[in-house]
């Protein structure tokens, strides 16, 4: 099981739109850099930098097939995180009826931010 520090580090690494797109595509199967360059609006060197970062943190790996470098997912938590990111939610969680400690007070309906 991953420690909480590792979990937050994982979220920091994933927290980039280009890396999320790369991981989404890898969740569908093995991809080569040229595959990403065709479907992602970024330069091949930029994509390669993101792939290297994802690999450094153990989320993905690759194998060589001739001159092609083929990438694939390694960390089993990635598909679960992607599934949560794709999920559409409606509304908010219900407000508490009262304070759980004192059992007094009521939520006025206006959230403070």
PDB file of N, CA and C in Angstrom:
ATOM      1  N   UNK A   1       0.842  -1.181   0.000  1.00  0.00           N
ATOM      2  CA  UNK A   1       0.000   0.000   0.000  1.00  0.00           C
ATOM      3  C   UNK A   1       0.888   1.244   0.000  1.00  0.00           C
ATOM      4  N   UNK A   2       0.485   2.233  -0.736  1.00  0.00           N
ATOM      5  CA  UNK A   2       1.266   3.456  -0.837  1.00  0.00           C
ATOM      6  C   UNK A   2       1.022   4.334   0.375  1.00  0.00           C
ATOM      7  N   UNK A   3       2.096   5.000   0.823  1.00  0.00           N
ATOM      8  CA  UNK A   3       1.941   5.927   1.943  1.00  0.00           C
ATOM      9  C   UNK A   3       1.194   7.166   1.469  1.00  0.00           C
ATOM     10  N   UNK A   4       0.695   7.955   2.413  1.00  0.00           N
ATOM     11  CA  UNK A   4      -0.052   9.166   2.070  1.00  0.00           C
ATOM     12  C   UNK A   4       0.844  10.135   1.298  1.00  0.00           C
ATOM     13  N   UNK A   5       2.133  10.233   1.686  1.00  0.00           N
ATOM     14  CA  UNK A   5       3.063  11.096   0.965  1.00  0.00           C
ATOM     15  C   UNK A   5       3.187  10.683  -0.486  1.00  0.00           C
ATOM     16  N   UNK A   6       3.282   9.394  -0.727  1.00  0.00           N
ATOM     17  CA  UNK A   6       3.376   8.900  -2.103  1.00  0.00           C
ATOM     18  C   UNK A   6       2.093   9.158  -2.876  1.00  0.00           C
ATOM     19  N   UNK A   7       0.957   9.086  -2.206  1.00  0.00           N
ATOM     20  CA  UNK A   7      -0.326   9.337  -2.876  1.00  0.00           C
ATOM     21  C   UNK A   7      -0.429  10.790  -3.322  1.00  0.00           C
ATOM     22  N   UNK A   8      -0.008  11.711  -2.440  1.00  0.00           N
ATOM     23  CA  UNK A   8      -0.077  13.118  -2.819  1.00  0.00           C
ATOM     24  C   UNK A   8       0.931  13.422  -3.912  1.00  0.00           C
ATOM     25  N   UNK A   9       2.084  12.774  -3.880  1.00  0.00           N
ATOM     26  CA  UNK A   9       3.075  12.949  -4.947  1.00  0.00           C
ATOM     27  C   UNK A   9       2.505  12.428  -6.269  1.00  0.00           C
ATOM     28  N   UNK A  10       1.812  11.306  -6.216  1.00  0.00           N
ATOM     29  CA  UNK A  10       1.176  10.747  -7.408  1.00  0.00           C
ATOM     30  C   UNK A  10       0.185  11.741  -8.006  1.00  0.00           C
ATOM     31  N   UNK A  11      -0.625  12.367  -7.162  1.00  0.00           N
ATOM     32  CA  UNK A  11      -1.600  13.341  -7.653  1.00  0.00           C
ATOM     33  C   UNK A  11      -0.910  14.556  -8.268  1.00  0.00           C
ATOM     34  N   UNK A  12       0.206  14.980  -7.691  1.00  0.00           N
ATOM     35  CA  UNK A  12       0.960  16.103  -8.263  1.00  0.00           C
ATOM     36  C   UNK A  12       1.474  15.754  -9.653  1.00  0.00           C
ATOM     37  N   UNK A  13       1.941  14.537  -9.813  1.00  0.00           N
ATOM     38  CA  UNK A  13       2.484  14.111 -11.110  1.00  0.00           C
ATOM     39  C   UNK A  13       1.373  14.036 -12.154  1.00  0.00           C
ATOM     40  N   UNK A  14       0.241  13.528 -11.785  1.00  0.00           N
ATOM     41  CA  UNK A  14      -0.863  13.376 -12.733  1.00  0.00           C
ATOM     42  C   UNK A  14      -1.504  14.728 -13.059  1.00  0.00           C
ATOM     43  N   UNK A  15      -1.401  15.702 -12.168  1.00  0.00           N
ATOM     44  CA  UNK A  15      -2.120  16.983 -12.271  1.00  0.00           C
ATOM     45  C   UNK A  15      -1.589  17.876 -13.387  1.00  0.00           C
ATOM     46  N   UNK A  16      -1.699  17.397 -14.603  1.00  0.00           N
ATOM     47  CA  UNK A  16      -1.318  18.160 -15.788  1.00  0.00           C
ATOM     48  C   UNK A  16      -2.202  17.652 -16.924  1.00  0.00           C
ATOM     49  N   UNK A  17      -2.878  18.537 -17.653  1.00  0.00           N
ATOM     50  CA  UNK A  17      -3.804  18.070 -18.702  1.00  0.00           C
ATOM     51  C   UNK A  17      -3.149  17.167 -19.743  1.00  0.00           C
ATOM     52  N   UNK A  18      -1.918  17.462 -20.120  1.00  0.00           N
ATOM     53  CA  UNK A  18      -1.247  16.635 -21.122  1.00  0.00           C
ATOM     54  C   UNK A  18      -0.935  15.245 -20.565  1.00  0.00           C
ATOM     55  N   UNK A  19      -0.495  15.198 -19.312  1.00  0.00           N
ATOM     56  CA  UNK A  19      -0.198  13.893 -18.715  1.00  0.00           C
ATOM     57  C   UNK A  19      -1.473  13.081 -18.507  1.00  0.00           C
ATOM     58  N   UNK A  20      -2.571  13.744 -18.146  1.00  0.00           N
ATOM     59  CA  UNK A  20      -3.846  13.027 -18.014  1.00  0.00           C
ATOM     60  C   UNK A  20      -4.229  12.427 -19.365  1.00  0.00           C
ATOM     61  N   UNK A  21      -4.076  13.197 -20.442  1.00  0.00           N
ATOM     62  CA  UNK A  21      -4.406  12.695 -21.784  1.00  0.00           C
ATOM     63  C   UNK A  21      -3.507  11.515 -22.163  1.00  0.00           C
ATOM     64  N   UNK A  22      -2.231  11.604 -21.859  1.00  0.00           N
ATOM     65  CA  UNK A  22      -1.305  10.494 -22.132  1.00  0.00           C
ATOM     66  C   UNK A  22      -1.750   9.252 -21.367  1.00  0.00           C
ATOM     67  N   UNK A  23      -2.063   9.407 -20.085  1.00  0.00           N
ATOM     68  CA  UNK A  23      -2.492   8.262 -19.282  1.00  0.00           C
ATOM     69  C   UNK A  23      -3.820   7.698 -19.769  1.00  0.00           C
ATOM     70  N   UNK A  24      -4.739   8.583 -20.189  1.00  0.00           N
ATOM     71  CA  UNK A  24      -6.022   8.118 -20.753  1.00  0.00           C
ATOM     72  C   UNK A  24      -5.766   7.225 -21.965  1.00  0.00           C
ATOM     73  N   UNK A  25      -4.862   7.657 -22.830  1.00  0.00           N
ATOM     74  CA  UNK A  25      -4.574   6.867 -24.034  1.00  0.00           C
ATOM     75  C   UNK A  25      -3.876   5.561 -23.690  1.00  0.00           C
ATOM     76  N   UNK A  26      -2.989   5.597 -22.697  1.00  0.00           N
ATOM     77  CA  UNK A  26      -2.314   4.359 -22.293  1.00  0.00           C
ATOM     78  C   UNK A  26      -3.266   3.389 -21.606  1.00  0.00           C
ATOM     79  N   UNK A  27      -4.324   3.913 -20.998  1.00  0.00           N
ATOM     80  CA  UNK A  27      -5.324   3.037 -20.381  1.00  0.00           C
ATOM     81  C   UNK A  27      -6.039   2.205 -21.442  1.00  0.00           C
ATOM     82  N   UNK A  28      -6.035   2.691 -22.682  1.00  0.00           N
ATOM     83  CA  UNK A  28      -6.650   1.959 -23.789  1.00  0.00           C
ATOM     84  C   UNK A  28      -5.713   0.908 -24.370  1.00  0.00           C
ATOM     85  N   UNK A  29      -4.401   1.029 -24.095  1.00  0.00           N
ATOM     86  CA  UNK A  29      -3.438   0.059 -24.600  1.00  0.00           C
ATOM     87  C   UNK A  29      -2.093   0.697 -24.884  1.00  0.00           C
ATOM     88  N   UNK A  30      -1.180  -0.113 -25.371  1.00  0.00           N
ATOM     89  CA  UNK A  30       0.189   0.317 -25.649  1.00  0.00           C
ATOM     90  C   UNK A  30       0.191   1.373 -26.755  1.00  0.00           C
ATOM     91  N   UNK A  31       1.022   2.409 -26.552  1.00  0.00           N
ATOM     92  CA  UNK A  31       1.139   3.490 -27.541  1.00  0.00           C
ATOM     93  C   UNK A  31       2.605   3.838 -27.734  1.00  0.00           C
ATOM     94  N   UNK A  32       2.945   4.261 -28.946  1.00  0.00           N
ATOM     95  CA  UNK A  32       4.281   4.760 -29.253  1.00  0.00           C
ATOM     96  C   UNK A  32       4.239   6.282 -29.272  1.00  0.00           C
ATOM     97  N   UNK A  33       5.404   6.909 -29.175  1.00  0.00           N
ATOM     98  CA  UNK A  33       5.463   8.369 -29.157  1.00  0.00           C
ATOM     99  C   UNK A  33       4.771   8.945 -30.383  1.00  0.00           C
ATOM    100  N   UNK A  34       4.963   8.328 -31.534  1.00  0.00           N
ATOM    101  CA  UNK A  34       4.334   8.841 -32.758  1.00  0.00           C
ATOM    102  C   UNK A  34       2.806   8.777 -32.667  1.00  0.00           C
ATOM    103  N   UNK A  35       2.265   7.788 -31.943  1.00  0.00           N
ATOM    104  CA  UNK A  35       0.813   7.712 -31.746  1.00  0.00           C
ATOM    105  C   UNK A  35       0.317   8.927 -30.972  1.00  0.00           C
ATOM    106  N   UNK A  36       1.062   9.308 -29.945  1.00  0.00           N
ATOM    107  CA  UNK A  36       0.681  10.477 -29.149  1.00  0.00           C
ATOM    108  C   UNK A  36       0.773  11.750 -29.983  1.00  0.00           C
ATOM    109  N   UNK A  37       1.824  11.863 -30.770  1.00  0.00           N
ATOM    110  CA  UNK A  37       2.031  13.070 -31.574  1.00  0.00           C
ATOM    111  C   UNK A  37       0.882  13.290 -32.555  1.00  0.00           C
ATOM    112  N   UNK A  38       0.250  12.214 -33.004  1.00  0.00           N
ATOM    113  CA  UNK A  38      -0.876  12.319 -33.939  1.00  0.00           C
ATOM    114  C   UNK A  38      -2.165  12.761 -33.236  1.00  0.00           C
ATOM    115  N   UNK A  39      -2.323  12.420 -31.965  1.00  0.00           N
ATOM    116  CA  UNK A  39      -3.602  12.658 -31.295  1.00  0.00           C
ATOM    117  C   UNK A  39      -3.568  13.747 -30.222  1.00  0.00           C
ATOM    118  N   UNK A  40      -2.377  14.178 -29.815  1.00  0.00           N
ATOM    119  CA  UNK A  40      -2.255  15.199 -28.777  1.00  0.00           C
ATOM    120  C   UNK A  40      -1.644  16.446 -29.405  1.00  0.00           C
ATOM    121  N   UNK A  41      -2.206  17.591 -29.073  1.00  0.00           N
ATOM    122  CA  UNK A  41      -1.728  18.854 -29.628  1.00  0.00           C
ATOM    123  C   UNK A  41      -0.501  19.332 -28.854  1.00  0.00           C
ATOM    124  N   UNK A  42       0.631  18.676 -29.083  1.00  0.00           N
ATOM    125  CA  UNK A  42       1.901  19.035 -28.449  1.00  0.00           C
ATOM    126  C   UNK A  42       3.026  18.491 -29.318  1.00  0.00           C
ATOM    127  N   UNK A  43       4.191  19.079 -29.173  1.00  0.00           N
ATOM    128  CA  UNK A  43       5.338  18.619 -29.959  1.00  0.00           C
ATOM    129  C   UNK A  43       5.825  17.272 -29.428  1.00  0.00           C
ATOM    130  N   UNK A  44       6.495  16.542 -30.278  1.00  0.00           N
ATOM    131  CA  UNK A  44       7.010  15.240 -29.877  1.00  0.00           C
ATOM    132  C   UNK A  44       8.021  15.369 -28.732  1.00  0.00           C
ATOM    133  N   UNK A  45       8.927  16.368 -28.747  1.00  0.00           N
ATOM    134  CA  UNK A  45       9.837  16.514 -27.601  1.00  0.00           C
ATOM    135  C   UNK A  45       9.095  16.789 -26.289  1.00  0.00           C
ATOM    136  N   UNK A  46       8.020  17.587 -26.352  1.00  0.00           N
ATOM    137  CA  UNK A  46       7.230  17.879 -25.158  1.00  0.00           C
ATOM    138  C   UNK A  46       6.553  16.622 -24.645  1.00  0.00           C
ATOM    139  N   UNK A  47       5.990  15.846 -25.538  1.00  0.00           N
ATOM    140  CA  UNK A  47       5.349  14.578 -25.154  1.00  0.00           C
ATOM    141  C   UNK A  47       6.387  13.649 -24.529  1.00  0.00           C
ATOM    142  N   UNK A  48       7.565  13.583 -25.119  1.00  0.00           N
ATOM    143  CA  UNK A  48       8.629  12.723 -24.593  1.00  0.00           C
ATOM    144  C   UNK A  48       9.036  13.133 -23.186  1.00  0.00           C
ATOM    145  N   UNK A  49       9.067  14.440 -22.906  1.00  0.00           N
ATOM    146  CA  UNK A  49       9.392  14.912 -21.559  1.00  0.00           C
ATOM    147  C   UNK A  49       8.344  14.441 -20.554  1.00  0.00           C
ATOM    148  N   UNK A  50       7.077  14.525 -20.924  1.00  0.00           N
ATOM    149  CA  UNK A  50       6.017  14.066 -20.024  1.00  0.00           C
ATOM    150  C   UNK A  50       6.086  12.553 -19.834  1.00  0.00           C
ATOM    151  N   UNK A  51       6.365  11.822 -20.892  1.00  0.00           N
ATOM    152  CA  UNK A  51       6.502  10.370 -20.776  1.00  0.00           C
ATOM    153  C   UNK A  51       7.655  10.012 -19.845  1.00  0.00           C
ATOM    154  N   UNK A  52       8.765  10.734 -19.955  1.00  0.00           N
ATOM    155  CA  UNK A  52       9.927  10.470 -19.093  1.00  0.00           C
ATOM    156  C   UNK A  52       9.573  10.713 -17.622  1.00  0.00           C
ATOM    157  N   UNK A  53       8.838  11.779 -17.343  1.00  0.00           N
ATOM    158  CA  UNK A  53       8.428  12.077 -15.971  1.00  0.00           C
ATOM    159  C   UNK A  53       7.513  10.978 -15.428  1.00  0.00           C
ATOM    160  N   UNK A  54       6.532  10.576 -16.222  1.00  0.00           N
ATOM    161  CA  UNK A  54       5.608   9.514 -15.797  1.00  0.00           C
ATOM    162  C   UNK A  54       6.362   8.209 -15.555  1.00  0.00           C
ATOM    163  N   UNK A  55       7.373   7.950 -16.356  1.00  0.00           N
ATOM    164  CA  UNK A  55       8.181   6.742 -16.193  1.00  0.00           C
ATOM    165  C   UNK A  55       9.053   6.839 -14.948  1.00  0.00           C
ATOM    166  N   UNK A  56       9.648   8.002 -14.721  1.00  0.00           N
ATOM    167  CA  UNK A  56      10.506   8.211 -13.544  1.00  0.00           C
ATOM    168  C   UNK A  56       9.745   7.934 -12.252  1.00  0.00           C
ATOM    169  N   UNK A  57       8.463   8.252 -12.230  1.00  0.00           N
ATOM    170  CA  UNK A  57       7.654   8.035 -11.034  1.00  0.00           C
ATOM    171  C   UNK A  57       6.958   6.672 -11.035  1.00  0.00           C
ATOM    172  N   UNK A  58       7.267   5.819 -11.983  1.00  0.00           N
ATOM    173  CA  UNK A  58       6.771   4.442 -11.969  1.00  0.00           C
ATOM    174  C   UNK A  58       5.337   4.252 -12.399  1.00  0.00           C
ATOM    175  N   UNK A  59       4.768   5.247 -13.079  1.00  0.00           N
ATOM    176  CA  UNK A  59       3.386   5.101 -13.539  1.00  0.00           C
ATOM    177  C   UNK A  59       3.329   4.347 -14.857  1.00  0.00           C
ATOM    178  N   UNK A  60       4.357   4.505 -15.681  1.00  0.00           N
ATOM    179  CA  UNK A  60       4.405   3.843 -16.987  1.00  0.00           C
ATOM    180  C   UNK A  60       5.796   3.245 -17.192  1.00  0.00           C
ATOM    181  N   UNK A  61       5.918   2.432 -18.223  1.00  0.00           N
ATOM    182  CA  UNK A  61       7.216   1.917 -18.650  1.00  0.00           C
ATOM    183  C   UNK A  61       7.146   1.736 -20.163  1.00  0.00           C
ATOM    184  N   UNK A  62       8.218   1.247 -20.753  1.00  0.00           N
ATOM    185  CA  UNK A  62       8.232   1.060 -22.198  1.00  0.00           C
ATOM    186  C   UNK A  62       9.080  -0.151 -22.564  1.00  0.00           C
ATOM    187  N   UNK A  63       8.912  -0.578 -23.797  1.00  0.00           N
ATOM    188  CA  UNK A  63       9.802  -1.572 -24.393  1.00  0.00           C
ATOM    189  C   UNK A  63      10.119  -1.082 -25.790  1.00  0.00           C
ATOM    190  N   UNK A  64      11.254  -1.536 -26.309  1.00  0.00           N
ATOM    191  CA  UNK A  64      11.646  -1.162 -27.665  1.00  0.00           C
ATOM    192  C   UNK A  64      11.211  -2.236 -28.642  1.00  0.00           C
ATOM    193  N   UNK A  65      10.625  -1.795 -29.732  1.00  0.00           N
ATOM    194  CA  UNK A  65      10.225  -2.679 -30.819  1.00  0.00           C
ATOM    195  C   UNK A  65      10.896  -2.128 -32.061  1.00  0.00           C
ATOM    196  N   UNK A  66      12.113  -2.613 -32.312  1.00  0.00           N
ATOM    197  CA  UNK A  66      12.893  -2.025 -33.401  1.00  0.00           C
ATOM    198  C   UNK A  66      13.267  -0.604 -33.010  1.00  0.00           C
ATOM    199  N   UNK A  67      12.886   0.351 -33.849  1.00  0.00           N
ATOM    200  CA  UNK A  67      13.172   1.759 -33.556  1.00  0.00           C
ATOM    201  C   UNK A  67      12.069   2.418 -32.735  1.00  0.00           C
ATOM    202  N   UNK A  68      10.969   1.725 -32.541  1.00  0.00           N
ATOM    203  CA  UNK A  68       9.844   2.295 -31.805  1.00  0.00           C
ATOM    204  C   UNK A  68       9.981   2.067 -30.303  1.00  0.00           C
ATOM    205  N   UNK A  69       9.605   3.054 -29.534  1.00  0.00           N
ATOM    206  CA  UNK A  69       9.533   2.923 -28.083  1.00  0.00           C
ATOM    207  C   UNK A  69       8.051   2.884 -27.738  1.00  0.00           C
ATOM    208  N   UNK A  70       7.606   1.752 -27.219  1.00  0.00           N
ATOM    209  CA  UNK A  70       6.190   1.520 -26.949  1.00  0.00           C
ATOM    210  C   UNK A  70       5.931   1.605 -25.444  1.00  0.00           C
ATOM    211  N   UNK A  71       5.022   2.502 -25.052  1.00  0.00           N
ATOM    212  CA  UNK A  71       4.735   2.774 -23.643  1.00  0.00           C
ATOM    213  C   UNK A  71       3.472   2.050 -23.190  1.00  0.00           C
ATOM    214  N   UNK A  72       3.446   1.731 -21.888  1.00  0.00           N
ATOM    215  CA  UNK A  72       2.280   1.066 -21.296  1.00  0.00           C
ATOM    216  C   UNK A  72       2.180   1.442 -19.822  1.00  0.00           C
ATOM    217  N   UNK A  73       0.976   1.311 -19.256  1.00  0.00           N
ATOM    218  CA  UNK A  73       0.747   1.602 -17.837  1.00  0.00           C
ATOM    219  C   UNK A  73       1.366   0.524 -16.964  1.00  0.00           C
ATOM    220  N   UNK A  74       1.860   0.931 -15.792  1.00  0.00           N
ATOM    221  CA  UNK A  74       2.428  -0.002 -14.833  1.00  0.00           C
ATOM    222  C   UNK A  74       1.670   0.056 -13.504  1.00  0.00           C
ATOM    223  N   UNK A  75       1.418   1.259 -13.008  1.00  0.00           N
ATOM    224  CA  UNK A  75       0.790   1.424 -11.701  1.00  0.00           C
ATOM    225  C   UNK A  75      -0.705   1.127 -11.800  1.00  0.00           C
ATOM    226  N   UNK A  76      -1.199   0.149 -11.030  1.00  0.00           N
ATOM    227  CA  UNK A  76      -2.607  -0.244 -11.143  1.00  0.00           C
ATOM    228  C   UNK A  76      -3.603   0.796 -10.629  1.00  0.00           C
ATOM    229  N   UNK A  77      -3.153   1.816  -9.909  1.00  0.00           N
ATOM    230  CA  UNK A  77      -4.071   2.836  -9.405  1.00  0.00           C
ATOM    231  C   UNK A  77      -4.457   3.837 -10.499  1.00  0.00           C
ATOM    232  N   UNK A  78      -3.657   3.948 -11.536  1.00  0.00           N
ATOM    233  CA  UNK A  78      -3.908   4.955 -12.580  1.00  0.00           C
ATOM    234  C   UNK A  78      -5.284   4.790 -13.233  1.00  0.00           C
ATOM    235  N   UNK A  79      -5.680   3.598 -13.681  1.00  0.00           N
ATOM    236  CA  UNK A  79      -7.023   3.479 -14.279  1.00  0.00           C
ATOM    237  C   UNK A  79      -8.141   3.885 -13.317  1.00  0.00           C
ATOM    238  N   UNK A  80      -7.975   3.596 -12.025  1.00  0.00           N
ATOM    239  CA  UNK A  80      -8.989   3.992 -11.038  1.00  0.00           C
ATOM    240  C   UNK A  80      -9.071   5.510 -10.925  1.00  0.00           C
ATOM    241  N   UNK A  81      -7.931   6.179 -10.883  1.00  0.00           N
ATOM    242  CA  UNK A  81      -7.911   7.641 -10.799  1.00  0.00           C
ATOM    243  C   UNK A  81      -8.545   8.245 -12.048  1.00  0.00           C
ATOM    244  N   UNK A  82      -8.217   7.707 -13.203  1.00  0.00           N
ATOM    245  CA  UNK A  82      -8.790   8.221 -14.456  1.00  0.00           C
ATOM    246  C   UNK A  82     -10.300   8.037 -14.483  1.00  0.00           C
ATOM    247  N   UNK A  83     -10.768   6.918 -13.960  1.00  0.00           N
ATOM    248  CA  UNK A  83     -12.208   6.660 -13.908  1.00  0.00           C
ATOM    249  C   UNK A  83     -12.908   7.712 -13.046  1.00  0.00           C
ATOM    250  N   UNK A  84     -12.311   8.053 -11.917  1.00  0.00           N
ATOM    251  CA  UNK A  84     -12.886   9.080 -11.045  1.00  0.00           C
ATOM    252  C   UNK A  84     -12.881  10.433 -11.744  1.00  0.00           C
ATOM    253  N   UNK A  85     -11.800  10.757 -12.456  1.00  0.00           N
ATOM    254  CA  UNK A  85     -11.713  12.040 -13.157  1.00  0.00           C
ATOM    255  C   UNK A  85     -12.765  12.160 -14.259  1.00  0.00           C
ATOM    256  N   UNK A  86     -13.137  11.037 -14.866  1.00  0.00           N
ATOM    257  CA  UNK A  86     -14.141  11.053 -15.951  1.00  0.00           C
ATOM    258  C   UNK A  86     -15.566  11.127 -15.422  1.00  0.00           C
ATOM    259  N   UNK A  87     -15.753  10.721 -14.176  1.00  0.00           N
ATOM    260  CA  UNK A  87     -17.100  10.639 -13.615  1.00  0.00           C
ATOM    261  C   UNK A  87     -17.738  12.023 -13.531  1.00  0.00           C
ATOM    262  N   UNK A  88     -19.000  12.102 -13.879  1.00  0.00           N
ATOM    263  CA  UNK A  88     -19.763  13.349 -13.808  1.00  0.00           C
ATOM    264  C   UNK A  88     -20.621  13.326 -12.548  1.00  0.00           C
ATOM    265  N   UNK A  89     -20.524  14.377 -11.762  1.00  0.00           N
ATOM    266  CA  UNK A  89     -21.297  14.479 -10.523  1.00  0.00           C
ATOM    267  C   UNK A  89     -22.331  15.591 -10.679  1.00  0.00           C
ATOM    268  N   UNK A  90     -23.456  15.407 -10.041  1.00  0.00           N
ATOM    269  CA  UNK A  90     -24.468  16.466 -10.062  1.00  0.00           C
ATOM    270  C   UNK A  90     -24.777  16.857  -8.625  1.00  0.00           C
ATOM    271  N   UNK A  91     -24.826  18.140  -8.386  1.00  0.00           N
ATOM    272  CA  UNK A  91     -25.160  18.639  -7.058  1.00  0.00           C
ATOM    273  C   UNK A  91     -24.032  18.498  -6.064  1.00  0.00           C
ATOM    274  N   UNK A  92     -24.340  18.862  -4.831  1.00  0.00           N
ATOM    275  CA  UNK A  92     -23.391  18.789  -3.729  1.00  0.00           C
ATOM    276  C   UNK A  92     -23.823  17.720  -2.749  1.00  0.00           C
ATOM    277  N   UNK A  93     -22.941  17.395  -1.842  1.00  0.00           N
ATOM    278  CA  UNK A  93     -23.298  16.492  -0.755  1.00  0.00           C
ATOM    279  C   UNK A  93     -24.288  17.204   0.159  1.00  0.00           C
ATOM    280  N   UNK A  94     -25.174  16.472   0.830  1.00  0.00           N
ATOM    281  CA  UNK A  94     -26.150  17.132   1.712  1.00  0.00           C
ATOM    282  C   UNK A  94     -25.463  17.782   2.908  1.00  0.00           C
ATOM    283  N   UNK A  95     -26.027  18.874   3.372  1.00  0.00           N
ATOM    284  CA  UNK A  95     -25.508  19.582   4.543  1.00  0.00           C
ATOM    285  C   UNK A  95     -25.850  18.802   5.800  1.00  0.00           C
ATOM    286  N   UNK A  96     -25.046  18.947   6.849  1.00  0.00           N
ATOM    287  CA  UNK A  96     -25.366  18.250   8.104  1.00  0.00           C
ATOM    288  C   UNK A  96     -26.588  18.866   8.770  1.00  0.00           C
ATOM    289  N   UNK A  97     -27.335  18.050   9.481  1.00  0.00           N
ATOM    290  CA  UNK A  97     -28.519  18.541  10.189  1.00  0.00           C
ATOM    291  C   UNK A  97     -28.121  19.371  11.399  1.00  0.00           C
ATOM    292  N   UNK A  98     -27.014  18.999  12.063  1.00  0.00           N
ATOM    293  CA  UNK A  98     -26.530  19.749  13.219  1.00  0.00           C
ATOM    294  C   UNK A  98     -25.060  19.427  13.420  1.00  0.00           C
ATOM    295  N   UNK A  99     -24.450  20.035  14.420  1.00  0.00           N
ATOM    296  CA  UNK A  99     -23.054  19.767  14.745  1.00  0.00           C
ATOM    297  C   UNK A  99     -22.932  18.342  15.280  1.00  0.00           C
ATOM    298  N   UNK A 100     -22.032  17.528  14.754  1.00  0.00           N
ATOM    299  CA  UNK A 100     -21.919  16.143  15.222  1.00  0.00           C
ATOM    300  C   UNK A 100     -21.367  16.029  16.641  1.00  0.00           C
ATOM    301  N   UNK A 101     -20.705  17.072  17.139  1.00  0.00           N
ATOM    302  CA  UNK A 101     -20.132  17.023  18.484  1.00  0.00           C
ATOM    303  C   UNK A 101     -21.138  17.478  19.531  1.00  0.00           C
ATOM    304  N   UNK A 102     -21.688  18.675  19.351  1.00  0.00           N
ATOM    305  CA  UNK A 102     -22.603  19.229  20.353  1.00  0.00           C
ATOM    306  C   UNK A 102     -24.051  18.817  20.131  1.00  0.00           C
ATOM    307  N   UNK A 103     -24.339  18.359  18.954  1.00  0.00           N
ATOM    308  CA  UNK A 103     -25.703  17.992  18.556  1.00  0.00           C
ATOM    309  C   UNK A 103     -26.638  19.196  18.605  1.00  0.00           C
ATOM    310  N   UNK A 104     -26.054  20.396  18.474  1.00  0.00           N
ATOM    311  CA  UNK A 104     -26.831  21.629  18.478  1.00  0.00           C
ATOM    312  C   UNK A 104     -26.542  22.391  17.200  1.00  0.00           C
ATOM    313  N   UNK A 105     -27.286  23.431  17.012  1.00  0.00           N
ATOM    314  CA  UNK A 105     -27.063  24.288  15.858  1.00  0.00           C
ATOM    315  C   UNK A 105     -27.600  23.668  14.595  1.00  0.00           C
ATOM    316  N   UNK A 106     -27.893  24.502  13.639  1.00  0.00           N
ATOM    317  CA  UNK A 106     -28.378  24.027  12.352  1.00  0.00           C
ATOM    318  C   UNK A 106     -27.626  24.752  11.251  1.00  0.00           C
ATOM    319  N   UNK A 107     -27.494  24.107  10.156  1.00  0.00           N
ATOM    320  CA  UNK A 107     -26.831  24.682   9.000  1.00  0.00           C
ATOM    321  C   UNK A 107     -27.740  25.739   8.373  1.00  0.00           C
ATOM    322  N   UNK A 108     -27.270  26.998   8.247  1.00  0.00           N
ATOM    323  CA  UNK A 108     -28.153  28.076   7.759  1.00  0.00           C
ATOM    324  C   UNK A 108     -28.400  28.036   6.255  1.00  0.00           C
ATOM    325  N   UNK A 109     -27.694  27.189   5.532  1.00  0.00           N
ATOM    326  CA  UNK A 109     -27.908  27.101   4.102  1.00  0.00           C
ATOM    327  C   UNK A 109     -26.966  27.962   3.291  1.00  0.00           C
ATOM    328  N   UNK A 110     -26.105  28.727   3.939  1.00  0.00           N
ATOM    329  CA  UNK A 110     -25.125  29.549   3.232  1.00  0.00           C
ATOM    330  C   UNK A 110     -23.746  29.041   3.593  1.00  0.00           C
ATOM    331  N   UNK A 111     -23.016  28.618   2.606  1.00  0.00           N
ATOM    332  CA  UNK A 111     -21.671  28.097   2.869  1.00  0.00           C
ATOM    333  C   UNK A 111     -20.681  29.238   2.930  1.00  0.00           C
ATOM    334  N   UNK A 112     -19.813  29.180   3.911  1.00  0.00           N
ATOM    335  CA  UNK A 112     -18.724  30.155   4.001  1.00  0.00           C
ATOM    336  C   UNK A 112     -17.549  29.625   3.214  1.00  0.00           C
ATOM    337  N   UNK A 113     -16.849  30.506   2.537  1.00  0.00           N
ATOM    338  CA  UNK A 113     -15.678  30.084   1.755  1.00  0.00           C
ATOM    339  C   UNK A 113     -14.451  30.774   2.230  1.00  0.00           C
TER     340      UNK A 113
END
